[in-house]
Structures are given as C-alpha cells and as structure tokens.
Amino acid sequence: MRFKCPFVLFKKTLRSGKKVWYYYFYDEYNKRHQFSTGCTIKAQAEAVCMELYRSGAMIPTVKNPLALLSSRPLEQHGSTPLFREYTGNFFIYDKCEYFKKKREHGFNLTKNYAHQKRCELERYILPFWGEHHLNNFTDKRIDEWISWLRDNFHLSNKTINNVISGLKVILSYAYKTGVTEVNYSEKVVKLKNDSKTHGILSKADVEKMFDETNLESVWNGNMLHYTLNLLASKTGLRLGEVQAFRKENIFEDHLLINHGYVEKFGLQDTKNHKPRVIPIQKELYEKLISLSLVQTEGEYIFSSTKGKLPIIRAEINRYLKRALENIGISKEEQKARFITFHSWRHFANSNLINSGVPRSIVQSVIGHVNDDAMTEHYTHVSLDDAKVVLEVL
C-alpha cells in the first residue's frame, strides 16, 4: 500500500518579512485546515508535521508546534541519538569520521562523491528520518519512507537505490561503532533496478555525423564540438574526462587519460582512480593539436575561454542533441532511444568487443570500473598490446 503524505507544506511571508513554513491538511470530512509550523527551515517543518501526524494531533494543541520535537521523552524511542544529531557531519568531506576511517584503510573517496551523498542526505533522508532515534527504524516506517520518496519527488528505482545506499552506510557505521545494538541497515532493502540501457548509434549515423563534408550542416561549422564528439566516439571517454583533457595528455601515438572534471570541484581522479593509455591514429592526433594551438591562455583543449576553463557540460550536451537532430534523429527519438553523451562510451565499447578485441584490452582502453584484482590486471596492458584497437577505431 502506497503511503500518501497527509499534509502539504508551503512558505508564507509574514508582515514582518519573516518567511515561515505553514502546512494544510484535510480532515475526515474533507475540510481544509491550515496552521503554522513556526519553522523557517523546510526540513524542520516537515519533521514537526510528521510528529503531529504520528501523535494524531494535526490540529496542534500547543502554541509552538516546534516545541514538540524537543519535548518528546527519550525513553519513548530508547537511548540512541536522534538521526539528525548523529548525521550532523556525515558525508561532509573533511569532517566525517566515516570518511576518515575509509581513507585510513586506503579508499579514495572524492569530494564530488561526498557532495552528492550529503545532498541526498539533506534532501531525501533527513526530512523524514531526522527526528527519529537510530533504533526506531521499523519495516513499516521504511516502506512509508520509500513511498514518500516516490510521491513527493517522483524518483526512479535507480535514484531511490542511490539514496538507500547512503542510508545503509550511515546505519551500518552506527552499528559498527557501537551506537546501535542492531544493524538496521539490513532492514533497508534496495528496489529492483529500473535503469535504462543507453542507446547506441548505428555506424551509419556515426558516419553522417563525422563526415567532414557535413561539418556545416551537422555541427554548424563548429570544429571544437565536432572533434570533442569524434574523440569520445573513438575512445569512450566519459564526459568529465573530455572536459579534463589538456595539452599534456596528447602524444603522437597515444593519449594519457589521468583526470576527470567536476564543475563544482575542478580536476579529479578518473572514476577508477587509475590513469590509462589510449592509442590514437594520426588523423585524430592532428585535429587535437590544431585545437590546442587555439587555446592560447590555458591548457584545456575543449574550451571556450582560450584554454583557461573547460567547456561546460550543458553546452556539450546541447551541441550533441542539435547534431543528432541535424542528421534526422529528433528530440523525441533521442529520448525514446535514450541517446546521450554517454552513448559514445557504449558505442566505442561495443565496436571494440564486436571486432574481436581481447576483453583485457577493451577494459584497459575504456577504463571500466572493476574489482581490484581485475583493475590491477588491466592496468598492466602495454601500449603496444593496446594498439590492436587502432584497426577498429
């Protein structure tokens, strides 16, 4: 049974200029009631409303509903801390004890990962679980939370599973460090994955896109975006790796891929935290060198600021979508076939595999994320071995 949120929050500006969160709900006679939560923070307002709902008092009997959160007896939920208190610094890169322990054990956790998980915590987890004690995770409430995520945010199973992963990390760490006597993370079960498989362009489509006689009609004469996408189609580079591509990565017969790029944080490690070498043909080398000569004030190859900063993701995606339309693949078809920039990665991967290139070399060139043993193996593929891909690319 799906859980429907029993109230609606909205922000109201008072005469004083103060912005306060209010809520309304409908009673059993379908009569609408509206009250102030007294909160200026949405997550706190939601916690107040959830507490009113749990106590059966949507029409508050106290002047300040916010006082309900601090007046609840601790013994009602046990002696564990409130979830909000426990997660005060969780997933904050330089303050989180969990991150500190992981780094001590050799794990490489990026600032971007920390930022993503903290955003998920604040948006999707804390508003629901913030005022629960850590030993108050019941099967019923977990099911209600997942329904709440669907109803209020319309999230896919894949996105909900990402959020669940963060919650499981928190609950598991609380158990490992003795904060809880039960590992409540085991109660939180992931959903069936509903992620779509990225579409792969046909060879005929790709030939149309990169026929230089079509440069004007397909790419509006923009050699930068033409070369950027050509590079991705031949190497399977991730979008962030394309953004991070600099003059120092270009060699006459190969590319050295040792960074990704995140617009909030700048240069980062590659996804598997390992550099890789990709053989290239002379034609692609010459195009990259030509672009590098235009970037006179910085090192980034694909830049609209003369090399000082890489081109932004939104512009890369916009040019690709326009080019696809120009060869006859409409926006509707792009969406139906799930064609995105990441499709270049699938195209390059499939092209290599279908051409009989050994799996170890495909892994090395594409830079797949694998278990440590496999990754270590692929890292040792030599440049000479990898040059077999030149016949395909």
Protein backbone atom coordinates (compact mmCIF):
# COMPACT_ATOMS: atom_id res chain seq x y z
CA MET A 1 0.00 0.00 0.00
CA ARG A 2 1.40 3.38 -1.01
CA PHE A 3 1.95 5.99 1.66
CA LYS A 4 0.35 9.34 0.83
CA CYS A 5 1.80 12.32 2.65
CA PRO A 6 -1.06 13.57 4.90
CA PHE A 7 -0.11 17.26 4.69
CA VAL A 8 1.22 19.89 2.28
CA LEU A 9 3.92 22.39 3.21
CA PHE A 10 4.11 25.90 1.81
CA LYS A 11 6.11 29.02 2.61
CA LYS A 12 4.41 32.21 3.75
CA THR A 13 5.94 35.67 4.16
CA LEU A 14 4.72 37.45 7.31
CA ARG A 15 4.17 41.19 7.58
CA SER A 16 7.49 41.43 9.39
CA GLY A 17 9.19 39.98 6.31
CA LYS A 18 9.99 36.70 8.04
CA LYS A 19 9.39 33.59 5.91
CA VAL A 20 7.75 30.74 7.80
CA TRP A 21 6.63 27.28 6.69
CA TYR A 22 2.91 26.53 7.03
CA TYR A 23 1.02 23.31 6.39
CA TYR A 24 -2.51 22.36 5.47
CA PHE A 25 -4.39 19.08 5.55
CA TYR A 26 -7.91 17.78 5.05
CA ASP A 27 -9.83 16.15 7.89
CA GLU A 28 -12.18 13.16 7.66
CA TYR A 29 -14.98 15.47 6.46
CA ASN A 30 -12.74 16.83 3.69
CA LYS A 31 -12.47 20.17 5.47
CA ARG A 32 -9.22 22.05 4.89
CA HIS A 33 -7.17 23.20 7.92
CA GLN A 34 -4.10 25.44 7.82
CA PHE A 35 -1.54 26.11 10.56
CA SER A 36 1.96 27.50 11.05
CA THR A 37 4.81 25.18 11.97
CA GLY A 38 6.79 28.10 13.37
CA CYS A 39 9.79 26.89 11.35
CA THR A 40 11.90 28.77 8.84
CA ILE A 41 13.68 25.61 7.63
CA LYS A 42 11.69 23.21 5.45
CA ALA A 43 13.29 20.03 6.80
CA GLN A 44 12.46 21.10 10.34
CA ALA A 45 8.90 22.00 9.33
CA GLU A 46 8.45 18.56 7.81
CA ALA A 47 9.73 16.93 10.99
CA VAL A 48 7.19 18.93 13.02
CA CYS A 49 4.34 17.85 10.76
CA MET A 50 5.44 14.21 10.88
CA GLU A 51 5.49 14.36 14.68
CA LEU A 52 1.99 15.92 14.72
CA TYR A 53 0.79 13.20 12.38
CA ARG A 54 2.33 10.39 14.47
CA SER A 55 0.74 11.77 17.64
CA GLY A 56 -2.68 12.18 15.98
CA ALA A 57 -2.70 15.94 16.52
CA MET A 58 -2.66 17.56 13.09
CA ILE A 59 -4.66 20.34 14.71
CA PRO A 60 -1.96 21.37 17.21
CA THR A 61 -2.80 21.75 20.88
CA VAL A 62 0.35 23.73 21.64
CA LYS A 63 1.12 27.32 20.65
CA ASN A 64 4.53 26.43 19.23
CA PRO A 65 4.49 23.03 17.43
CA LEU A 66 8.30 23.16 17.14
CA ALA A 67 8.47 22.54 20.89
CA LEU A 68 7.13 19.02 20.26
CA LEU A 69 10.48 17.92 18.86
CA SER A 70 12.44 18.85 21.96
CA SER A 71 9.78 17.75 24.49
CA ARG A 72 9.40 14.10 23.43
CA PRO A 73 10.62 11.73 26.17
CA LEU A 74 13.83 9.92 25.23
CA GLU A 75 12.60 6.62 26.62
CA GLN A 76 9.85 6.56 24.02
CA HIS A 77 12.46 5.64 21.40
CA GLY A 78 15.32 4.33 23.50
CA SER A 79 18.66 5.85 24.39
CA THR A 80 20.19 6.17 20.91
CA PRO A 81 20.72 9.69 19.48
CA LEU A 82 18.37 11.36 17.05
CA PHE A 83 19.22 10.63 13.42
CA ARG A 84 19.66 14.38 12.76
CA GLU A 85 22.15 14.72 15.62
CA TYR A 86 24.12 11.63 14.60
CA THR A 87 24.43 12.74 10.97
CA GLY A 88 25.45 16.34 11.72
CA ASN A 89 28.80 15.92 9.93
CA PHE A 90 28.07 12.75 7.97
CA PHE A 91 29.24 12.88 4.33
CA ILE A 92 30.93 16.26 4.89
CA TYR A 93 34.28 15.58 3.24
CA ASP A 94 36.70 16.96 5.83
CA LYS A 95 34.57 16.37 8.95
CA CYS A 96 33.03 12.91 8.53
CA GLU A 97 34.55 10.21 10.76
CA TYR A 98 33.36 7.52 8.35
CA PHE A 99 35.34 9.14 5.52
CA LYS A 100 38.36 9.46 7.78
CA LYS A 101 38.29 5.73 8.55
CA LYS A 102 37.83 4.81 4.89
CA ARG A 103 40.83 6.93 3.89
CA GLU A 104 42.91 5.32 6.64
CA HIS A 105 42.11 1.96 5.03
CA GLY A 106 43.27 3.14 1.61
CA PHE A 107 39.95 4.03 -0.01
CA ASN A 108 39.91 7.04 -2.32
CA LEU A 109 36.70 8.99 -1.69
CA THR A 110 36.28 12.13 -3.78
CA LYS A 111 34.83 15.48 -2.79
CA ASN A 112 32.26 15.07 -5.52
CA TYR A 113 31.05 11.77 -4.04
CA ALA A 114 30.86 13.39 -0.60
CA HIS A 115 28.90 16.34 -2.00
CA GLN A 116 26.42 14.08 -3.81
CA LYS A 117 25.78 11.89 -0.75
CA ARG A 118 25.41 14.93 1.55
CA CYS A 119 22.88 16.48 -0.84
CA GLU A 120 20.91 13.21 -0.90
CA LEU A 121 21.03 13.08 2.89
CA GLU A 122 19.72 16.61 3.31
CA ARG A 123 17.02 16.39 0.65
CA TYR A 124 15.73 12.83 0.80
CA ILE A 125 16.67 11.36 4.18
CA LEU A 126 16.79 14.00 6.92
CA PRO A 127 13.31 15.48 6.31
CA PHE A 128 11.77 12.07 7.00
CA TRP A 129 14.18 10.42 9.45
CA GLY A 130 15.75 13.45 11.16
CA GLU A 131 13.68 13.30 14.35
CA HIS A 132 13.74 9.50 14.65
CA HIS A 133 16.11 7.84 17.07
CA LEU A 134 18.61 5.48 15.47
CA ASN A 135 16.87 2.44 16.96
CA ASN A 136 13.49 3.44 15.54
CA PHE A 137 13.86 2.04 12.02
CA THR A 138 10.92 -0.33 11.55
CA ASP A 139 9.91 -2.19 8.39
CA LYS A 140 6.67 -0.19 8.28
CA ARG A 141 8.40 3.19 8.51
CA ILE A 142 10.99 2.19 5.90
CA ASP A 143 8.18 1.26 3.48
CA GLU A 144 6.47 4.57 4.24
CA TRP A 145 9.72 6.44 3.55
CA ILE A 146 10.16 4.80 0.14
CA SER A 147 6.55 5.64 -0.76
CA TRP A 148 7.16 9.20 0.46
CA LEU A 149 10.14 9.47 -1.90
CA ARG A 150 8.02 8.29 -4.82
CA ASP A 151 5.02 10.50 -4.05
CA ASN A 152 6.90 13.69 -3.27
CA PHE A 153 9.89 13.51 -5.61
CA HIS A 154 8.77 11.04 -8.32
CA LEU A 155 12.13 9.27 -8.16
CA SER A 156 13.07 6.25 -10.23
CA ASN A 157 14.10 3.00 -8.54
CA LYS A 158 17.69 3.67 -9.59
CA THR A 159 17.73 7.06 -7.85
CA ILE A 160 15.98 5.68 -4.76
CA ASN A 161 18.61 2.92 -4.62
CA ASN A 162 21.36 5.57 -4.62
CA VAL A 163 19.65 7.26 -1.68
CA ILE A 164 19.18 3.91 0.07
CA SER A 165 22.92 3.24 -0.31
CA GLY A 166 23.68 6.39 1.65
CA LEU A 167 21.23 5.50 4.41
CA LYS A 168 22.66 1.98 4.65
CA VAL A 169 26.19 3.41 5.04
CA ILE A 170 25.02 5.57 7.95
CA LEU A 171 23.12 2.80 9.74
CA SER A 172 25.88 0.25 9.18
CA TYR A 173 28.51 2.62 10.57
CA ALA A 174 26.33 3.31 13.63
CA TYR A 175 26.23 -0.43 14.27
CA LYS A 176 29.97 -0.97 13.68
CA THR A 177 30.87 1.83 16.08
CA GLY A 178 28.54 0.54 18.80
CA VAL A 179 25.96 3.34 18.62
CA THR A 180 23.22 0.80 17.91
CA GLU A 181 22.97 -2.81 19.03
CA VAL A 182 21.17 -3.86 15.84
CA ASN A 183 22.40 -3.38 12.27
CA TYR A 184 19.34 -1.56 10.95
CA SER A 185 20.94 -1.23 7.52
CA GLU A 186 19.92 -4.84 6.90
CA LYS A 187 16.27 -3.80 7.13
CA VAL A 188 16.64 -1.35 4.24
CA VAL A 189 16.42 -3.37 1.02
CA LYS A 190 17.14 -1.95 -2.42
CA LEU A 191 14.47 -1.94 -5.11
CA LYS A 192 14.55 -3.67 -8.48
CA ASN A 193 16.78 -1.64 -10.79
CA ASP A 194 14.76 0.15 -13.48
CA SER A 195 17.65 2.00 -15.14
CA LYS A 196 17.56 2.27 -18.90
CA THR A 197 20.29 0.97 -21.16
CA HIS A 198 21.92 3.79 -23.09
CA GLY A 199 21.15 3.72 -26.78
CA ILE A 200 23.94 3.07 -29.26
CA LEU A 201 24.12 4.96 -32.53
CA SER A 202 24.40 2.92 -35.69
CA LYS A 203 27.56 3.07 -37.79
CA ALA A 204 25.54 4.81 -40.50
CA ASP A 205 24.50 7.52 -38.02
CA VAL A 206 28.09 7.95 -36.86
CA GLU A 207 29.38 8.21 -40.43
CA LYS A 208 26.88 11.01 -41.12
CA MET A 209 27.94 12.87 -38.00
CA PHE A 210 31.67 12.76 -38.71
CA ASP A 211 31.75 13.13 -42.48
CA GLU A 212 33.70 16.38 -42.71
CA THR A 213 31.69 17.44 -45.74
CA ASN A 214 28.75 17.66 -43.30
CA LEU A 215 30.62 19.84 -40.81
CA GLU A 216 28.48 22.87 -41.57
CA SER A 217 25.11 21.12 -41.81
CA VAL A 218 25.56 18.83 -38.78
CA TRP A 219 27.84 20.81 -36.43
CA ASN A 220 27.11 24.34 -37.64
CA GLY A 221 30.76 24.57 -38.66
CA ASN A 222 31.97 24.16 -35.07
CA MET A 223 35.21 22.15 -35.23
CA LEU A 224 35.59 22.12 -31.44
CA HIS A 225 32.35 20.19 -30.84
CA TYR A 226 32.96 18.03 -33.90
CA THR A 227 36.39 16.97 -32.57
CA LEU A 228 35.14 16.60 -28.99
CA ASN A 229 32.48 14.09 -30.03
CA LEU A 230 34.78 12.36 -32.51
CA LEU A 231 37.25 11.81 -29.67
CA ALA A 232 34.52 10.37 -27.43
CA SER A 233 33.27 8.05 -30.20
CA LYS A 234 36.74 6.61 -30.79
CA THR A 235 37.94 6.36 -27.18
CA GLY A 236 34.83 6.01 -25.00
CA LEU A 237 35.96 8.87 -22.75
CA ARG A 238 33.48 9.92 -20.09
CA LEU A 239 32.14 13.45 -20.36
CA GLY A 240 34.19 14.58 -17.34
CA GLU A 241 37.33 13.06 -18.87
CA VAL A 242 36.70 15.02 -22.08
CA GLN A 243 36.33 18.21 -20.06
CA ALA A 244 39.58 17.46 -18.20
CA PHE A 245 41.50 16.83 -21.45
CA ARG A 246 44.58 19.09 -21.63
CA LYS A 247 47.60 19.66 -23.84
CA GLU A 248 49.79 17.47 -21.65
CA ASN A 249 47.54 14.46 -22.37
CA ILE A 250 48.33 14.42 -26.12
CA PHE A 251 51.16 12.29 -27.53
CA GLU A 252 51.81 11.49 -31.16
CA ASP A 253 50.57 7.90 -30.97
CA HIS A 254 48.51 7.86 -27.78
CA LEU A 255 46.56 9.81 -25.17
CA LEU A 256 47.17 9.72 -21.42
CA ILE A 257 43.89 9.89 -19.50
CA ASN A 258 44.60 10.68 -15.86
CA HIS A 259 41.82 13.04 -14.74
CA GLY A 260 38.12 13.71 -14.78
CA TYR A 261 36.49 17.08 -14.26
CA VAL A 262 33.66 18.12 -11.94
CA GLU A 263 32.42 21.67 -12.42
CA LYS A 264 32.00 22.26 -8.69
CA PHE A 265 35.45 20.94 -7.71
CA GLY A 266 37.64 21.07 -10.82
CA LEU A 267 40.11 18.32 -11.76
CA GLN A 268 39.55 14.96 -10.04
CA ASP A 269 40.85 11.43 -10.36
CA THR A 270 39.38 9.21 -13.06
CA LYS A 271 36.43 7.12 -11.92
CA ASN A 272 38.57 4.07 -11.14
CA HIS A 273 41.37 6.31 -9.75
CA LYS A 274 43.84 4.93 -12.30
CA PRO A 275 45.40 6.57 -15.39
CA ARG A 276 45.12 4.80 -18.73
CA VAL A 277 46.74 4.98 -22.16
CA ILE A 278 44.68 5.01 -25.38
CA PRO A 279 46.35 4.58 -28.79
CA ILE A 280 45.22 7.07 -31.47
CA GLN A 281 45.57 7.45 -35.21
CA LYS A 282 47.47 10.28 -36.87
CA GLU A 283 44.28 11.95 -38.13
CA LEU A 284 42.84 12.38 -34.62
CA TYR A 285 46.24 13.50 -33.28
CA GLU A 286 46.41 16.28 -35.87
CA LYS A 287 42.90 17.51 -35.07
CA LEU A 288 43.71 17.66 -31.34
CA ILE A 289 46.96 19.51 -31.97
CA SER A 290 45.13 22.04 -34.16
CA LEU A 291 42.65 22.71 -31.37
CA SER A 292 45.42 23.00 -28.79
CA LEU A 293 47.04 25.82 -30.78
CA VAL A 294 43.84 27.88 -30.47
CA GLN A 295 43.88 27.65 -26.67
CA THR A 296 46.47 30.37 -26.08
CA GLU A 297 45.74 31.24 -22.45
CA GLY A 298 45.36 27.85 -20.79
CA GLU A 299 45.81 24.10 -21.03
CA TYR A 300 42.27 22.81 -21.65
CA ILE A 301 41.70 21.60 -25.21
CA PHE A 302 37.91 21.80 -25.28
CA SER A 303 37.42 25.33 -24.02
CA SER A 304 35.55 28.47 -25.00
CA THR A 305 37.82 30.61 -22.78
CA LYS A 306 41.07 30.10 -24.74
CA GLY A 307 42.01 27.13 -22.57
CA LYS A 308 41.50 28.66 -19.13
CA LEU A 309 38.44 26.54 -18.27
CA PRO A 310 36.83 23.54 -19.95
CA ILE A 311 33.56 23.90 -21.80
CA ILE A 312 30.53 23.25 -19.57
CA ARG A 313 28.52 20.03 -19.66
CA ALA A 314 25.30 21.78 -20.64
CA GLU A 315 26.87 23.18 -23.80
CA ILE A 316 28.40 19.82 -24.74
CA ASN A 317 25.02 18.13 -24.40
CA ARG A 318 23.24 20.92 -26.27
CA TYR A 319 25.55 20.68 -29.30
CA LEU A 320 25.27 16.90 -29.41
CA LYS A 321 21.47 16.99 -29.32
CA ARG A 322 21.43 19.57 -32.10
CA ALA A 323 23.83 17.49 -34.23
CA LEU A 324 21.63 14.42 -33.77
CA GLU A 325 18.61 16.43 -34.89
CA ASN A 326 20.56 17.61 -37.92
CA ILE A 327 21.09 14.01 -39.10
CA GLY A 328 17.41 13.23 -38.64
CA ILE A 329 17.20 11.92 -35.05
CA SER A 330 14.52 14.07 -33.40
CA LYS A 331 14.41 15.04 -29.74
CA GLU A 332 11.59 12.53 -29.25
CA GLU A 333 13.61 9.73 -30.85
CA GLN A 334 16.70 10.65 -28.82
CA LYS A 335 14.61 10.32 -25.67
CA ALA A 336 12.96 7.07 -26.78
CA ARG A 337 16.33 5.52 -27.70
CA PHE A 338 17.97 7.04 -24.59
CA ILE A 339 20.82 8.55 -26.60
CA THR A 340 23.05 10.80 -24.51
CA PHE A 341 26.73 11.74 -24.48
CA HIS A 342 27.38 8.52 -22.53
CA SER A 343 26.18 6.62 -25.61
CA TRP A 344 29.59 7.31 -27.18
CA ARG A 345 31.12 5.18 -24.44
CA HIS A 346 28.78 2.30 -25.26
CA PHE A 347 29.45 2.76 -28.99
CA ALA A 348 33.23 2.54 -28.55
CA ASN A 349 32.95 -0.40 -26.16
CA SER A 350 30.61 -2.38 -28.46
CA ASN A 351 32.70 -1.54 -31.51
CA LEU A 352 35.81 -3.00 -29.89
CA ILE A 353 34.13 -6.10 -28.48
CA ASN A 354 32.27 -6.91 -31.72
CA SER A 355 35.55 -6.59 -33.62
CA GLY A 356 37.17 -9.29 -31.50
CA VAL A 357 39.50 -7.10 -29.42
CA PRO A 358 40.52 -9.05 -26.27
CA ARG A 359 38.47 -8.18 -23.20
CA SER A 360 41.53 -7.17 -21.19
CA ILE A 361 42.48 -4.58 -23.80
CA VAL A 362 38.92 -3.25 -24.05
CA GLN A 363 38.90 -2.83 -20.28
CA SER A 364 42.22 -1.00 -20.40
CA VAL A 365 41.20 1.39 -23.17
CA ILE A 366 37.67 2.14 -21.97
CA GLY A 367 38.66 2.34 -18.28
CA HIS A 368 35.89 0.21 -16.81
CA VAL A 369 35.50 0.13 -13.03
CA ASN A 370 36.10 -3.42 -11.82
CA ASP A 371 37.08 -5.24 -8.68
CA ASP A 372 40.63 -4.53 -7.53
CA ALA A 373 42.17 -7.71 -8.93
CA MET A 374 40.74 -7.18 -12.40
CA THR A 375 41.57 -3.48 -12.43
CA GLU A 376 45.14 -4.25 -11.42
CA HIS A 377 45.39 -6.74 -14.29
CA TYR A 378 44.08 -4.32 -16.89
CA THR A 379 46.40 -1.57 -15.71
CA HIS A 380 49.37 -3.63 -16.91
CA VAL A 381 48.27 -3.88 -20.55
CA SER A 382 51.11 -2.32 -22.55
CA LEU A 383 50.73 0.40 -25.18
CA ASP A 384 51.96 -1.99 -27.88
CA ASP A 385 49.29 -4.53 -26.87
CA ALA A 386 46.61 -1.84 -26.86
CA LYS A 387 47.48 -0.69 -30.38
CA VAL A 388 45.35 -3.55 -31.72
CA VAL A 389 42.40 -1.19 -31.24
CA LEU A 390 43.73 1.14 -33.95
CA GLU A 391 42.42 -1.25 -36.61
CA VAL A 392 38.94 -0.81 -35.15
CA LEU A 393 38.98 2.84 -34.08
